[in-house]
Amino acid sequence: MKLSFILILFFFLSWVDGQKCNCLKKTELKNLISCQPTQFQNGARIYWEYDCNTSWITFQKGNIKKKIFELEKEFIELTGRLGYRSWTEYKTSFLIENSLVSGCCQPAEYILYNKNTGKKITSLGTIISINDKKDHPYIITLIQNNKLLYTNLNNNKSCTIKVPQDKIKSTLKNTNELYPENLFENAGIKNEVLTIRLRYKESNNTAWKIKTITLNTKIGSK
């Protein structure tokens, strides 16, 4: 009798807390949208839901349940390709990859969320480089087209350094490069000093040049 009661309670709670993942008018959405939840180490879950009018991402932890992203009806077939695409868990946060276009090849934007509350911490800008090593995960992004932002993904502390905007502008003008993010390369950290190279051209007829940018992440982090 006790076992039966537990099973009934389990199925009742599952029904109450059930995900909305169905649209009878568009059954093909089942093949496009995966509603499989991701469970974080702190017990929080994040997952897609959808109906015939919209698709959205839900964050859930204990009594907290909130929608953190939504695609309107006309974009529902682009779920997973436009807007929030994927997420990665870290110590106290999770990182969202946000695609600004559905196709190739504009650099994605990244957004940091608190994994205990589901609240947005900050928008990090567009991706330059990311390091997922467990002992020191970090991301380097471009903000306002004139600053590199370094963010430690274990403690969410960040610092910025200005980049030579004139070199970026002249390069985009005199080459086939469309995005300034593609001009940065070989990012790495040694003894808490970030080093990254900027490729640039001063004119159409000059050769490519390299400027090395450094940032002391220990001093600059806040």
N, C-alpha and C. Protein backbone atom coordinates (compact mmCIF):
# COMPACT_ATOMS: atom_id res chain seq x y z
N MET A 1 0.83 -1.20 0.00
CA MET A 1 0.00 0.00 0.00
C MET A 1 0.88 1.26 0.00
N LYS A 2 1.93 1.21 0.82
CA LYS A 2 2.83 2.34 0.92
C LYS A 2 3.54 2.58 -0.41
N LEU A 3 3.97 1.47 -1.07
CA LEU A 3 4.63 1.58 -2.35
C LEU A 3 3.70 2.18 -3.41
N SER A 4 2.45 1.76 -3.40
CA SER A 4 1.47 2.28 -4.36
C SER A 4 1.28 3.78 -4.18
N PHE A 5 1.21 4.21 -2.93
CA PHE A 5 1.04 5.64 -2.64
C PHE A 5 2.23 6.44 -3.15
N ILE A 6 3.43 5.91 -2.96
CA ILE A 6 4.63 6.60 -3.42
C ILE A 6 4.63 6.71 -4.94
N LEU A 7 4.23 5.64 -5.62
CA LEU A 7 4.20 5.67 -7.08
C LEU A 7 3.17 6.67 -7.59
N ILE A 8 2.01 6.69 -6.95
CA ILE A 8 0.96 7.64 -7.35
C ILE A 8 1.44 9.07 -7.15
N LEU A 9 2.10 9.32 -6.00
CA LEU A 9 2.60 10.65 -5.71
C LEU A 9 3.66 11.06 -6.73
N PHE A 10 4.53 10.11 -7.09
CA PHE A 10 5.58 10.40 -8.06
C PHE A 10 5.00 10.81 -9.41
N PHE A 11 4.00 10.04 -9.89
CA PHE A 11 3.41 10.34 -11.19
C PHE A 11 2.60 11.64 -11.14
N PHE A 12 2.00 11.94 -9.99
CA PHE A 12 1.26 13.19 -9.84
C PHE A 12 2.20 14.39 -9.92
N LEU A 13 3.32 14.30 -9.18
CA LEU A 13 4.28 15.39 -9.21
C LEU A 13 4.89 15.56 -10.59
N SER A 14 5.12 14.43 -11.26
CA SER A 14 5.67 14.50 -12.62
C SER A 14 4.69 15.18 -13.56
N TRP A 15 3.40 14.90 -13.36
CA TRP A 15 2.38 15.53 -14.21
C TRP A 15 2.27 17.01 -13.93
N VAL A 16 2.30 17.38 -12.64
CA VAL A 16 2.20 18.79 -12.27
C VAL A 16 3.39 19.57 -12.82
N ASP A 17 4.56 18.94 -12.74
CA ASP A 17 5.79 19.61 -13.12
C ASP A 17 6.17 19.30 -14.56
N GLY A 18 5.24 18.71 -15.33
CA GLY A 18 5.57 18.24 -16.67
C GLY A 18 5.92 19.35 -17.62
N GLN A 19 6.80 19.02 -18.54
CA GLN A 19 7.20 19.97 -19.56
C GLN A 19 6.15 20.03 -20.66
N LYS A 20 6.05 21.20 -21.26
CA LYS A 20 5.18 21.37 -22.41
C LYS A 20 6.05 21.19 -23.65
N CYS A 21 5.87 20.06 -24.31
CA CYS A 21 6.68 19.74 -25.49
C CYS A 21 5.80 19.07 -26.53
N ASN A 22 4.85 19.83 -27.05
CA ASN A 22 3.94 19.22 -28.01
C ASN A 22 3.21 20.29 -28.81
N CYS A 23 3.01 20.01 -30.08
CA CYS A 23 2.18 20.84 -30.94
C CYS A 23 1.56 19.92 -31.98
N LEU A 24 0.30 19.64 -31.85
CA LEU A 24 -0.37 18.71 -32.76
C LEU A 24 -0.42 19.23 -34.19
N LYS A 25 -0.37 20.56 -34.35
CA LYS A 25 -0.41 21.15 -35.69
C LYS A 25 0.94 21.04 -36.39
N LYS A 26 2.00 20.89 -35.60
CA LYS A 26 3.34 20.81 -36.16
C LYS A 26 4.10 19.67 -35.49
N THR A 27 3.77 18.47 -35.82
CA THR A 27 4.40 17.31 -35.19
C THR A 27 5.88 17.21 -35.53
N GLU A 28 6.29 17.87 -36.62
CA GLU A 28 7.71 17.82 -37.01
C GLU A 28 8.61 18.52 -36.00
N LEU A 29 8.02 19.34 -35.11
CA LEU A 29 8.83 20.03 -34.12
C LEU A 29 9.49 19.06 -33.14
N LYS A 30 8.91 17.87 -32.99
CA LYS A 30 9.50 16.88 -32.09
C LYS A 30 10.90 16.48 -32.54
N ASN A 31 11.12 16.53 -33.86
CA ASN A 31 12.44 16.18 -34.39
C ASN A 31 13.41 17.36 -34.37
N LEU A 32 12.87 18.56 -34.15
CA LEU A 32 13.69 19.76 -34.16
C LEU A 32 14.08 20.23 -32.76
N ILE A 33 13.20 19.99 -31.79
CA ILE A 33 13.40 20.54 -30.44
C ILE A 33 13.55 19.40 -29.44
N SER A 34 14.68 19.32 -28.80
CA SER A 34 14.88 18.33 -27.74
C SER A 34 14.51 18.94 -26.40
N CYS A 35 13.60 18.28 -25.70
CA CYS A 35 13.17 18.76 -24.39
C CYS A 35 13.90 18.04 -23.25
N GLN A 36 14.95 17.32 -23.57
CA GLN A 36 15.71 16.60 -22.56
C GLN A 36 16.37 17.59 -21.60
N PRO A 37 16.06 17.52 -20.30
CA PRO A 37 16.62 18.48 -19.35
C PRO A 37 18.11 18.27 -19.12
N THR A 38 18.80 19.35 -18.83
CA THR A 38 20.17 19.29 -18.34
C THR A 38 20.13 19.53 -16.83
N GLN A 39 20.70 18.61 -16.06
CA GLN A 39 20.71 18.76 -14.60
C GLN A 39 22.09 19.20 -14.16
N PHE A 40 22.12 20.33 -13.43
CA PHE A 40 23.38 20.83 -12.90
C PHE A 40 23.72 20.13 -11.59
N GLN A 41 24.96 20.29 -11.17
CA GLN A 41 25.43 19.62 -9.96
C GLN A 41 24.74 20.13 -8.70
N ASN A 42 24.19 21.33 -8.73
CA ASN A 42 23.49 21.88 -7.56
C ASN A 42 22.00 21.52 -7.55
N GLY A 43 21.57 20.66 -8.47
CA GLY A 43 20.18 20.24 -8.52
C GLY A 43 19.31 21.05 -9.45
N ALA A 44 19.82 22.16 -9.96
CA ALA A 44 19.05 22.98 -10.91
C ALA A 44 18.92 22.25 -12.24
N ARG A 45 17.86 22.58 -12.97
CA ARG A 45 17.64 22.00 -14.30
C ARG A 45 17.36 23.11 -15.29
N ILE A 46 17.72 22.86 -16.54
CA ILE A 46 17.42 23.80 -17.61
C ILE A 46 16.99 22.98 -18.82
N TYR A 47 15.93 23.44 -19.49
CA TYR A 47 15.39 22.62 -20.58
C TYR A 47 14.51 23.47 -21.51
N TRP A 48 14.37 22.97 -22.74
CA TRP A 48 13.48 23.58 -23.72
C TRP A 48 12.04 23.12 -23.48
N GLU A 49 11.10 23.99 -23.79
CA GLU A 49 9.67 23.66 -23.86
C GLU A 49 9.10 24.34 -25.10
N TYR A 50 7.98 23.84 -25.57
CA TYR A 50 7.34 24.49 -26.71
C TYR A 50 5.87 24.10 -26.81
N ASP A 51 5.11 24.96 -27.49
CA ASP A 51 3.75 24.64 -27.91
C ASP A 51 3.62 25.15 -29.35
N CYS A 52 2.43 25.37 -29.82
CA CYS A 52 2.27 25.78 -31.22
C CYS A 52 2.57 27.26 -31.44
N ASN A 53 2.72 28.02 -30.37
CA ASN A 53 2.89 29.46 -30.50
C ASN A 53 4.30 29.96 -30.20
N THR A 54 5.06 29.19 -29.47
CA THR A 54 6.38 29.66 -29.07
C THR A 54 7.23 28.50 -28.54
N SER A 55 8.53 28.73 -28.48
CA SER A 55 9.43 27.81 -27.78
C SER A 55 10.20 28.63 -26.76
N TRP A 56 10.56 28.00 -25.66
CA TRP A 56 11.23 28.76 -24.60
C TRP A 56 12.11 27.84 -23.76
N ILE A 57 13.04 28.47 -23.02
CA ILE A 57 13.93 27.76 -22.12
C ILE A 57 13.52 28.05 -20.68
N THR A 58 13.39 26.98 -19.91
CA THR A 58 13.00 27.10 -18.51
C THR A 58 14.17 26.74 -17.60
N PHE A 59 14.38 27.58 -16.58
CA PHE A 59 15.32 27.28 -15.50
C PHE A 59 14.51 26.89 -14.28
N GLN A 60 14.92 25.82 -13.60
CA GLN A 60 14.17 25.35 -12.43
C GLN A 60 15.12 24.86 -11.34
N LYS A 61 14.89 25.36 -10.13
CA LYS A 61 15.64 24.89 -8.96
C LYS A 61 14.75 25.07 -7.73
N GLY A 62 14.37 23.96 -7.11
CA GLY A 62 13.48 24.04 -5.95
C GLY A 62 12.18 24.72 -6.32
N ASN A 63 11.83 25.77 -5.58
CA ASN A 63 10.60 26.51 -5.85
C ASN A 63 10.75 27.55 -6.96
N ILE A 64 11.97 27.71 -7.45
CA ILE A 64 12.22 28.69 -8.52
C ILE A 64 11.98 28.04 -9.87
N LYS A 65 11.14 28.62 -10.66
CA LYS A 65 10.90 28.16 -12.03
C LYS A 65 10.64 29.38 -12.89
N LYS A 66 11.51 29.61 -13.85
CA LYS A 66 11.37 30.83 -14.65
C LYS A 66 11.79 30.59 -16.09
N LYS A 67 11.20 31.40 -16.95
CA LYS A 67 11.53 31.38 -18.37
C LYS A 67 12.69 32.34 -18.58
N ILE A 68 13.78 31.88 -19.20
CA ILE A 68 14.93 32.75 -19.40
C ILE A 68 15.14 33.13 -20.87
N PHE A 69 14.40 32.50 -21.76
CA PHE A 69 14.51 32.84 -23.18
C PHE A 69 13.29 32.35 -23.92
N GLU A 70 12.92 33.06 -24.99
CA GLU A 70 11.73 32.68 -25.75
C GLU A 70 11.89 33.04 -27.22
N LEU A 71 11.41 32.17 -28.09
CA LEU A 71 11.33 32.44 -29.52
C LEU A 71 9.87 32.52 -29.92
N GLU A 72 9.53 33.53 -30.68
CA GLU A 72 8.14 33.70 -31.11
C GLU A 72 7.78 32.72 -32.22
N LYS A 73 6.50 32.65 -32.53
CA LYS A 73 5.95 31.64 -33.43
C LYS A 73 6.66 31.59 -34.77
N GLU A 74 6.96 32.77 -35.35
CA GLU A 74 7.56 32.78 -36.68
C GLU A 74 9.00 32.26 -36.71
N PHE A 75 9.61 32.13 -35.52
CA PHE A 75 10.99 31.64 -35.45
C PHE A 75 11.10 30.27 -34.81
N ILE A 76 9.99 29.64 -34.50
CA ILE A 76 10.04 28.41 -33.71
C ILE A 76 10.82 27.29 -34.42
N GLU A 77 10.79 27.27 -35.76
CA GLU A 77 11.55 26.24 -36.48
C GLU A 77 13.05 26.46 -36.38
N LEU A 78 13.46 27.63 -35.90
CA LEU A 78 14.88 27.93 -35.75
C LEU A 78 15.37 27.68 -34.33
N THR A 79 14.55 27.04 -33.52
CA THR A 79 14.94 26.73 -32.14
C THR A 79 16.25 25.94 -32.13
N GLY A 80 17.18 26.39 -31.33
CA GLY A 80 18.48 25.75 -31.25
C GLY A 80 19.49 26.27 -32.25
N ARG A 81 19.03 27.12 -33.16
CA ARG A 81 19.94 27.72 -34.14
C ARG A 81 19.97 29.24 -34.03
N LEU A 82 18.85 29.83 -33.61
CA LEU A 82 18.77 31.28 -33.44
C LEU A 82 18.52 31.58 -31.96
N GLY A 83 19.24 32.55 -31.45
CA GLY A 83 19.08 32.87 -30.02
C GLY A 83 19.87 31.90 -29.15
N TYR A 84 19.32 31.56 -28.00
CA TYR A 84 20.03 30.68 -27.06
C TYR A 84 20.18 29.29 -27.68
N ARG A 85 21.42 28.86 -27.83
CA ARG A 85 21.69 27.58 -28.49
C ARG A 85 22.12 26.49 -27.52
N SER A 86 23.01 26.83 -26.61
CA SER A 86 23.57 25.81 -25.71
C SER A 86 23.98 26.46 -24.40
N TRP A 87 24.25 25.61 -23.41
CA TRP A 87 24.67 26.12 -22.10
C TRP A 87 25.71 25.19 -21.50
N THR A 88 26.59 25.79 -20.68
CA THR A 88 27.67 25.04 -20.03
C THR A 88 27.70 25.43 -18.56
N GLU A 89 27.81 24.43 -17.69
CA GLU A 89 27.79 24.66 -16.25
C GLU A 89 29.19 24.93 -15.71
N TYR A 90 29.27 25.87 -14.76
CA TYR A 90 30.50 26.13 -14.02
C TYR A 90 30.17 26.14 -12.52
N LYS A 91 31.10 26.56 -11.68
CA LYS A 91 30.94 26.42 -10.24
C LYS A 91 29.67 27.08 -9.71
N THR A 92 29.45 28.33 -10.03
CA THR A 92 28.29 29.06 -9.51
C THR A 92 27.42 29.64 -10.62
N SER A 93 27.75 29.32 -11.85
CA SER A 93 27.04 29.95 -12.96
C SER A 93 26.90 28.98 -14.13
N PHE A 94 26.15 29.40 -15.13
CA PHE A 94 26.14 28.68 -16.40
C PHE A 94 26.21 29.69 -17.53
N LEU A 95 26.90 29.29 -18.58
CA LEU A 95 27.19 30.17 -19.70
C LEU A 95 26.31 29.80 -20.88
N ILE A 96 25.63 30.79 -21.43
CA ILE A 96 24.74 30.59 -22.57
C ILE A 96 25.40 31.09 -23.84
N GLU A 97 25.34 30.27 -24.88
CA GLU A 97 25.76 30.71 -26.22
C GLU A 97 24.53 31.26 -26.93
N ASN A 98 24.59 32.51 -27.33
CA ASN A 98 23.47 33.18 -27.98
C ASN A 98 23.84 33.51 -29.42
N SER A 99 23.18 32.83 -30.36
CA SER A 99 23.47 33.05 -31.77
C SER A 99 22.64 34.23 -32.28
N LEU A 100 23.32 35.23 -32.81
CA LEU A 100 22.64 36.44 -33.27
C LEU A 100 22.00 36.26 -34.64
N VAL A 101 22.47 35.27 -35.39
CA VAL A 101 21.87 34.91 -36.69
C VAL A 101 21.74 33.40 -36.74
N SER A 102 20.89 32.90 -37.60
CA SER A 102 20.65 31.46 -37.65
C SER A 102 21.67 30.72 -38.51
N GLY A 103 22.39 31.43 -39.35
CA GLY A 103 23.34 30.77 -40.22
C GLY A 103 24.78 31.11 -39.86
N CYS A 104 25.65 30.96 -40.83
CA CYS A 104 27.08 31.24 -40.67
C CYS A 104 27.33 32.71 -41.03
N CYS A 105 28.26 33.37 -40.48
CA CYS A 105 29.32 32.91 -39.58
C CYS A 105 29.59 33.99 -38.54
N GLN A 106 28.59 34.76 -38.19
CA GLN A 106 28.78 35.84 -37.22
C GLN A 106 29.12 35.27 -35.85
N PRO A 107 30.13 35.82 -35.17
CA PRO A 107 30.50 35.31 -33.84
C PRO A 107 29.33 35.37 -32.87
N ALA A 108 29.21 34.33 -32.06
CA ALA A 108 28.11 34.26 -31.10
C ALA A 108 28.37 35.16 -29.90
N GLU A 109 27.28 35.58 -29.28
CA GLU A 109 27.34 36.34 -28.04
C GLU A 109 27.22 35.36 -26.87
N TYR A 110 27.83 35.70 -25.75
CA TYR A 110 27.75 34.84 -24.57
C TYR A 110 27.16 35.60 -23.38
N ILE A 111 26.33 34.89 -22.62
CA ILE A 111 25.62 35.49 -21.49
C ILE A 111 25.81 34.60 -20.28
N LEU A 112 26.09 35.22 -19.13
CA LEU A 112 26.37 34.47 -17.90
C LEU A 112 25.18 34.56 -16.96
N TYR A 113 24.77 33.39 -16.41
CA TYR A 113 23.63 33.29 -15.50
C TYR A 113 24.06 32.67 -14.17
N ASN A 114 23.39 33.08 -13.10
CA ASN A 114 23.57 32.46 -11.79
C ASN A 114 22.83 31.13 -11.77
N LYS A 115 23.53 30.04 -11.45
CA LYS A 115 22.88 28.73 -11.54
C LYS A 115 22.09 28.37 -10.29
N ASN A 116 22.10 29.24 -9.29
CA ASN A 116 21.27 29.02 -8.10
C ASN A 116 19.93 29.74 -8.21
N THR A 117 19.91 30.86 -8.92
CA THR A 117 18.69 31.67 -9.01
C THR A 117 18.13 31.77 -10.42
N GLY A 118 18.94 31.47 -11.44
CA GLY A 118 18.50 31.64 -12.81
C GLY A 118 18.52 33.09 -13.26
N LYS A 119 19.09 33.98 -12.45
CA LYS A 119 19.15 35.39 -12.82
C LYS A 119 20.36 35.65 -13.72
N LYS A 120 20.14 36.54 -14.66
CA LYS A 120 21.23 36.94 -15.56
C LYS A 120 22.27 37.73 -14.79
N ILE A 121 23.53 37.34 -14.91
CA ILE A 121 24.61 38.07 -14.26
C ILE A 121 25.07 39.22 -15.16
N THR A 122 25.41 38.88 -16.40
CA THR A 122 25.85 39.91 -17.33
C THR A 122 25.95 39.37 -18.74
N SER A 123 25.90 40.27 -19.71
CA SER A 123 26.19 39.93 -21.10
C SER A 123 27.68 40.15 -21.32
N LEU A 124 28.35 39.16 -21.88
CA LEU A 124 29.80 39.21 -21.99
C LEU A 124 30.29 39.74 -23.33
N GLY A 125 29.42 39.87 -24.30
CA GLY A 125 29.86 40.30 -25.62
C GLY A 125 30.06 39.11 -26.55
N THR A 126 30.75 39.34 -27.66
CA THR A 126 30.92 38.30 -28.67
C THR A 126 32.24 37.54 -28.46
N ILE A 127 32.23 36.29 -28.84
CA ILE A 127 33.30 35.37 -28.50
C ILE A 127 34.60 35.66 -29.27
N ILE A 128 35.70 35.64 -28.51
CA ILE A 128 37.05 35.65 -29.08
C ILE A 128 37.69 34.29 -28.86
N SER A 129 37.67 33.83 -27.60
CA SER A 129 38.30 32.57 -27.26
C SER A 129 37.68 32.06 -25.96
N ILE A 130 37.67 30.74 -25.79
CA ILE A 130 37.16 30.15 -24.56
C ILE A 130 38.05 28.97 -24.16
N ASN A 131 38.30 28.86 -22.87
CA ASN A 131 39.11 27.77 -22.34
C ASN A 131 38.27 27.04 -21.30
N ASP A 132 38.03 25.75 -21.51
CA ASP A 132 37.15 24.97 -20.64
C ASP A 132 37.89 24.06 -19.67
N LYS A 133 39.17 24.28 -19.45
CA LYS A 133 39.90 23.47 -18.50
C LYS A 133 39.34 23.66 -17.10
N LYS A 134 39.13 22.57 -16.37
CA LYS A 134 38.46 22.62 -15.09
C LYS A 134 39.19 23.47 -14.06
N ASP A 135 40.52 23.48 -14.10
CA ASP A 135 41.26 24.22 -13.09
C ASP A 135 41.25 25.73 -13.34
N HIS A 136 41.01 26.14 -14.58
CA HIS A 136 40.97 27.57 -14.88
C HIS A 136 40.16 27.84 -16.15
N PRO A 137 38.84 27.68 -16.07
CA PRO A 137 38.02 28.00 -17.23
C PRO A 137 37.84 29.51 -17.36
N TYR A 138 37.95 30.00 -18.58
CA TYR A 138 37.76 31.44 -18.79
C TYR A 138 37.27 31.67 -20.21
N ILE A 139 36.76 32.88 -20.43
CA ILE A 139 36.30 33.27 -21.76
C ILE A 139 36.80 34.67 -22.05
N ILE A 140 37.17 34.89 -23.29
CA ILE A 140 37.59 36.22 -23.74
C ILE A 140 36.59 36.68 -24.79
N THR A 141 36.03 37.86 -24.59
CA THR A 141 35.00 38.37 -25.48
C THR A 141 35.31 39.81 -25.88
N LEU A 142 34.62 40.27 -26.88
CA LEU A 142 34.77 41.64 -27.36
C LEU A 142 33.52 42.42 -27.01
N ILE A 143 33.70 43.56 -26.37
CA ILE A 143 32.55 44.40 -26.02
C ILE A 143 32.75 45.80 -26.60
N GLN A 144 31.67 46.36 -27.11
CA GLN A 144 31.66 47.72 -27.67
C GLN A 144 32.69 47.91 -28.78
N ASN A 145 33.16 46.81 -29.35
CA ASN A 145 34.13 46.84 -30.46
C ASN A 145 35.46 47.52 -30.12
N ASN A 146 35.69 47.84 -28.85
CA ASN A 146 36.97 48.47 -28.51
C ASN A 146 37.57 47.96 -27.20
N LYS A 147 36.99 46.89 -26.63
CA LYS A 147 37.53 46.35 -25.39
C LYS A 147 37.50 44.83 -25.42
N LEU A 148 38.56 44.22 -24.92
CA LEU A 148 38.56 42.79 -24.67
C LEU A 148 38.16 42.57 -23.22
N LEU A 149 37.26 41.64 -23.01
CA LEU A 149 36.79 41.31 -21.67
C LEU A 149 37.24 39.89 -21.32
N TYR A 150 38.01 39.80 -20.25
CA TYR A 150 38.41 38.49 -19.73
C TYR A 150 37.51 38.16 -18.54
N THR A 151 36.93 36.95 -18.53
CA THR A 151 36.06 36.54 -17.44
C THR A 151 36.48 35.17 -16.94
N ASN A 152 36.78 35.08 -15.65
CA ASN A 152 37.09 33.82 -15.00
C ASN A 152 35.76 33.11 -14.72
N LEU A 153 35.56 31.94 -15.31
CA LEU A 153 34.27 31.26 -15.22
C LEU A 153 34.12 30.43 -13.94
N ASN A 154 35.15 30.41 -13.10
CA ASN A 154 35.02 29.77 -11.79
C ASN A 154 34.47 30.74 -10.75
N ASN A 155 34.85 32.01 -10.85
CA ASN A 155 34.40 32.99 -9.85
C ASN A 155 33.65 34.17 -10.45
N ASN A 156 33.51 34.19 -11.78
CA ASN A 156 32.76 35.22 -12.51
C ASN A 156 33.41 36.60 -12.46
N LYS A 157 34.65 36.69 -11.98
CA LYS A 157 35.34 37.97 -11.96
C LYS A 157 35.87 38.29 -13.35
N SER A 158 35.90 39.58 -13.68
CA SER A 158 36.29 39.96 -15.03
C SER A 158 37.12 41.24 -15.02
N CYS A 159 37.80 41.47 -16.12
CA CYS A 159 38.55 42.70 -16.31
C CYS A 159 38.65 42.98 -17.80
N THR A 160 38.91 44.22 -18.15
CA THR A 160 38.92 44.63 -19.56
C THR A 160 40.23 45.33 -19.91
N ILE A 161 40.49 45.34 -21.19
CA ILE A 161 41.60 46.11 -21.72
C ILE A 161 41.17 46.68 -23.07
N LYS A 162 41.49 47.95 -23.30
CA LYS A 162 41.16 48.56 -24.58
C LYS A 162 42.06 48.01 -25.68
N VAL A 163 41.49 47.90 -26.86
CA VAL A 163 42.25 47.44 -28.02
C VAL A 163 42.39 48.60 -29.00
N PRO A 164 43.41 48.58 -29.84
CA PRO A 164 43.63 49.68 -30.80
C PRO A 164 42.54 49.72 -31.87
N GLN A 165 41.56 50.55 -31.65
CA GLN A 165 40.41 50.61 -32.54
C GLN A 165 40.79 51.04 -33.95
N ASP A 166 41.79 51.91 -34.07
CA ASP A 166 42.21 52.37 -35.41
C ASP A 166 42.75 51.22 -36.25
N LYS A 167 43.46 50.29 -35.62
CA LYS A 167 44.00 49.14 -36.35
C LYS A 167 42.88 48.20 -36.80
N ILE A 168 41.86 48.05 -35.97
CA ILE A 168 40.73 47.20 -36.33
C ILE A 168 39.95 47.82 -37.49
N LYS A 169 39.69 49.11 -37.42
CA LYS A 169 38.93 49.78 -38.47
C LYS A 169 39.65 49.72 -39.81
N SER A 170 40.96 49.98 -39.81
CA SER A 170 41.71 49.96 -41.06
C SER A 170 41.76 48.55 -41.64
N THR A 171 41.81 47.53 -40.78
CA THR A 171 41.85 46.15 -41.26
C THR A 171 40.53 45.75 -41.89
N LEU A 172 39.43 46.08 -41.25
CA LEU A 172 38.12 45.75 -41.82
C LEU A 172 37.88 46.49 -43.13
N LYS A 173 38.44 47.66 -43.23
CA LYS A 173 38.28 48.46 -44.45
C LYS A 173 39.11 47.91 -45.60
N ASN A 174 40.29 47.39 -45.29
CA ASN A 174 41.25 47.02 -46.33
C ASN A 174 41.39 45.52 -46.56
N THR A 175 40.53 44.72 -45.95
CA THR A 175 40.58 43.26 -46.14
C THR A 175 39.17 42.72 -46.34
N ASN A 176 39.08 41.42 -46.49
CA ASN A 176 37.78 40.77 -46.63
C ASN A 176 37.18 40.35 -45.29
N GLU A 177 37.88 40.64 -44.21
CA GLU A 177 37.36 40.30 -42.89
C GLU A 177 36.13 41.13 -42.58
N LEU A 178 35.08 40.46 -42.06
CA LEU A 178 33.84 41.15 -41.75
C LEU A 178 33.68 41.45 -40.26
N TYR A 179 34.33 40.64 -39.43
CA TYR A 179 34.11 40.75 -37.99
C TYR A 179 35.43 40.96 -37.26
N PRO A 180 35.52 41.95 -36.38
CA PRO A 180 36.77 42.21 -35.65
C PRO A 180 37.20 41.04 -34.78
N GLU A 181 36.24 40.21 -34.35
CA GLU A 181 36.58 39.06 -33.51
C GLU A 181 37.56 38.12 -34.20
N ASN A 182 37.49 38.06 -35.54
CA ASN A 182 38.34 37.15 -36.30
C ASN A 182 39.79 37.63 -36.42
N LEU A 183 40.07 38.83 -35.94
CA LEU A 183 41.42 39.38 -36.03
C LEU A 183 42.28 38.98 -34.84
N PHE A 184 41.68 38.38 -33.83
CA PHE A 184 42.42 37.99 -32.62
C PHE A 184 42.77 36.50 -32.68
N GLU A 185 43.95 36.16 -32.18
CA GLU A 185 44.40 34.78 -32.24
C GLU A 185 45.39 34.48 -31.12
N ASN A 186 45.63 33.17 -30.93
CA ASN A 186 46.66 32.68 -30.00
C ASN A 186 46.50 33.22 -28.58
N ALA A 187 45.29 33.19 -28.07
CA ALA A 187 45.06 33.64 -26.69
C ALA A 187 45.57 32.59 -25.71
N GLY A 188 46.17 33.04 -24.62
CA GLY A 188 46.64 32.13 -23.60
C GLY A 188 46.97 32.87 -22.32
N ILE A 189 47.03 32.14 -21.21
CA ILE A 189 47.36 32.74 -19.92
C ILE A 189 48.52 31.99 -19.29
N LYS A 190 49.50 32.74 -18.82
CA LYS A 190 50.64 32.18 -18.10
C LYS A 190 50.95 33.09 -16.93
N ASN A 191 51.02 32.50 -15.74
CA ASN A 191 51.26 33.27 -14.51
C ASN A 191 50.27 34.42 -14.37
N GLU A 192 49.01 34.12 -14.73
CA GLU A 192 47.88 35.05 -14.62
C GLU A 192 47.98 36.26 -15.55
N VAL A 193 48.85 36.19 -16.54
CA VAL A 193 48.94 37.24 -17.55
C VAL A 193 48.37 36.71 -18.86
N LEU A 194 47.32 37.38 -19.33
CA LEU A 194 46.70 37.02 -20.60
C LEU A 194 47.49 37.64 -21.74
N THR A 195 47.78 36.82 -22.74
CA THR A 195 48.44 37.30 -23.96
C THR A 195 47.59 36.90 -25.16
N ILE A 196 47.38 37.86 -26.06
CA ILE A 196 46.60 37.59 -27.26
C ILE A 196 47.14 38.45 -28.38
N ARG A 197 47.10 37.92 -29.60
CA ARG A 197 47.65 38.64 -30.74
C ARG A 197 46.52 39.23 -31.59
N LEU A 198 46.76 40.45 -32.07
CA LEU A 198 45.84 41.13 -32.98
C LEU A 198 46.51 41.23 -34.35
N ARG A 199 45.89 40.65 -35.38
CA ARG A 199 46.36 40.78 -36.75
C ARG A 199 45.74 42.04 -37.35
N TYR A 200 46.55 42.83 -38.06
CA TYR A 200 45.97 44.03 -38.64
C TYR A 200 46.73 44.45 -39.90
N LYS A 201 46.05 45.27 -40.72
CA LYS A 201 46.65 45.86 -41.91
C LYS A 201 46.39 47.35 -41.89
N GLU A 202 47.42 48.13 -42.15
CA GLU A 202 47.27 49.58 -42.10
C GLU A 202 46.71 50.15 -43.40
N SER A 203 46.89 49.40 -44.49
CA SER A 203 46.32 49.82 -45.77
C SER A 203 46.17 48.59 -46.66
N ASN A 204 45.57 48.80 -47.82
CA ASN A 204 45.32 47.70 -48.72
C ASN A 204 46.61 47.08 -49.26
N ASN A 205 47.65 47.89 -49.37
CA ASN A 205 48.89 47.45 -50.00
C ASN A 205 49.95 46.98 -49.02
N THR A 206 49.73 47.16 -47.74
CA THR A 206 50.74 46.76 -46.76
C THR A 206 50.51 45.32 -46.32
N ALA A 207 51.57 44.73 -45.77
CA ALA A 207 51.48 43.35 -45.29
C ALA A 207 50.78 43.30 -43.94
N TRP A 208 50.36 42.10 -43.60
CA TRP A 208 49.75 41.90 -42.29
C TRP A 208 50.79 42.13 -41.20
N LYS A 209 50.35 42.74 -40.11
CA LYS A 209 51.21 42.97 -38.96
C LYS A 209 50.58 42.35 -37.72
N ILE A 210 51.38 42.19 -36.68
CA ILE A 210 50.91 41.59 -35.44
C ILE A 210 51.18 42.53 -34.27
N LYS A 211 50.17 42.73 -33.45
CA LYS A 211 50.35 43.46 -32.18
C LYS A 211 49.97 42.52 -31.05
N THR A 212 50.84 42.36 -30.08
CA THR A 212 50.58 41.50 -28.93
C THR A 212 49.98 42.33 -27.80
N ILE A 213 48.85 41.88 -27.30
CA ILE A 213 48.15 42.57 -26.21
C ILE A 213 48.27 41.72 -24.95
N THR A 214 48.58 42.35 -23.83
CA THR A 214 48.70 41.62 -22.57
C THR A 214 47.82 42.26 -21.50
N LEU A 215 47.38 41.42 -20.57
CA LEU A 215 46.52 41.89 -19.48
C LEU A 215 46.81 41.06 -18.24
N ASN A 216 47.16 41.74 -17.14
CA ASN A 216 47.37 41.04 -15.86
C ASN A 216 45.99 40.77 -15.25
N THR A 217 45.52 39.54 -15.37
CA THR A 217 44.16 39.21 -14.94
C THR A 217 44.01 39.25 -13.43
N LYS A 218 45.08 39.07 -12.69
CA LYS A 218 44.99 39.11 -11.22
C LYS A 218 44.75 40.52 -10.73
N ILE A 219 45.47 41.48 -11.31
CA ILE A 219 45.32 42.88 -10.91
C ILE A 219 44.01 43.45 -11.41
N GLY A 220 43.65 43.08 -12.63
CA GLY A 220 42.47 43.68 -13.24
C GLY A 220 41.15 43.11 -12.80
N SER A 221 41.11 41.88 -12.29
CA SER A 221 39.83 41.26 -11.93
C SER A 221 39.18 41.98 -10.77
N LYS A 222 37.86 42.00 -10.81
CA LYS A 222 37.12 42.69 -9.74
C LYS A 222 36.00 41.83 -9.23
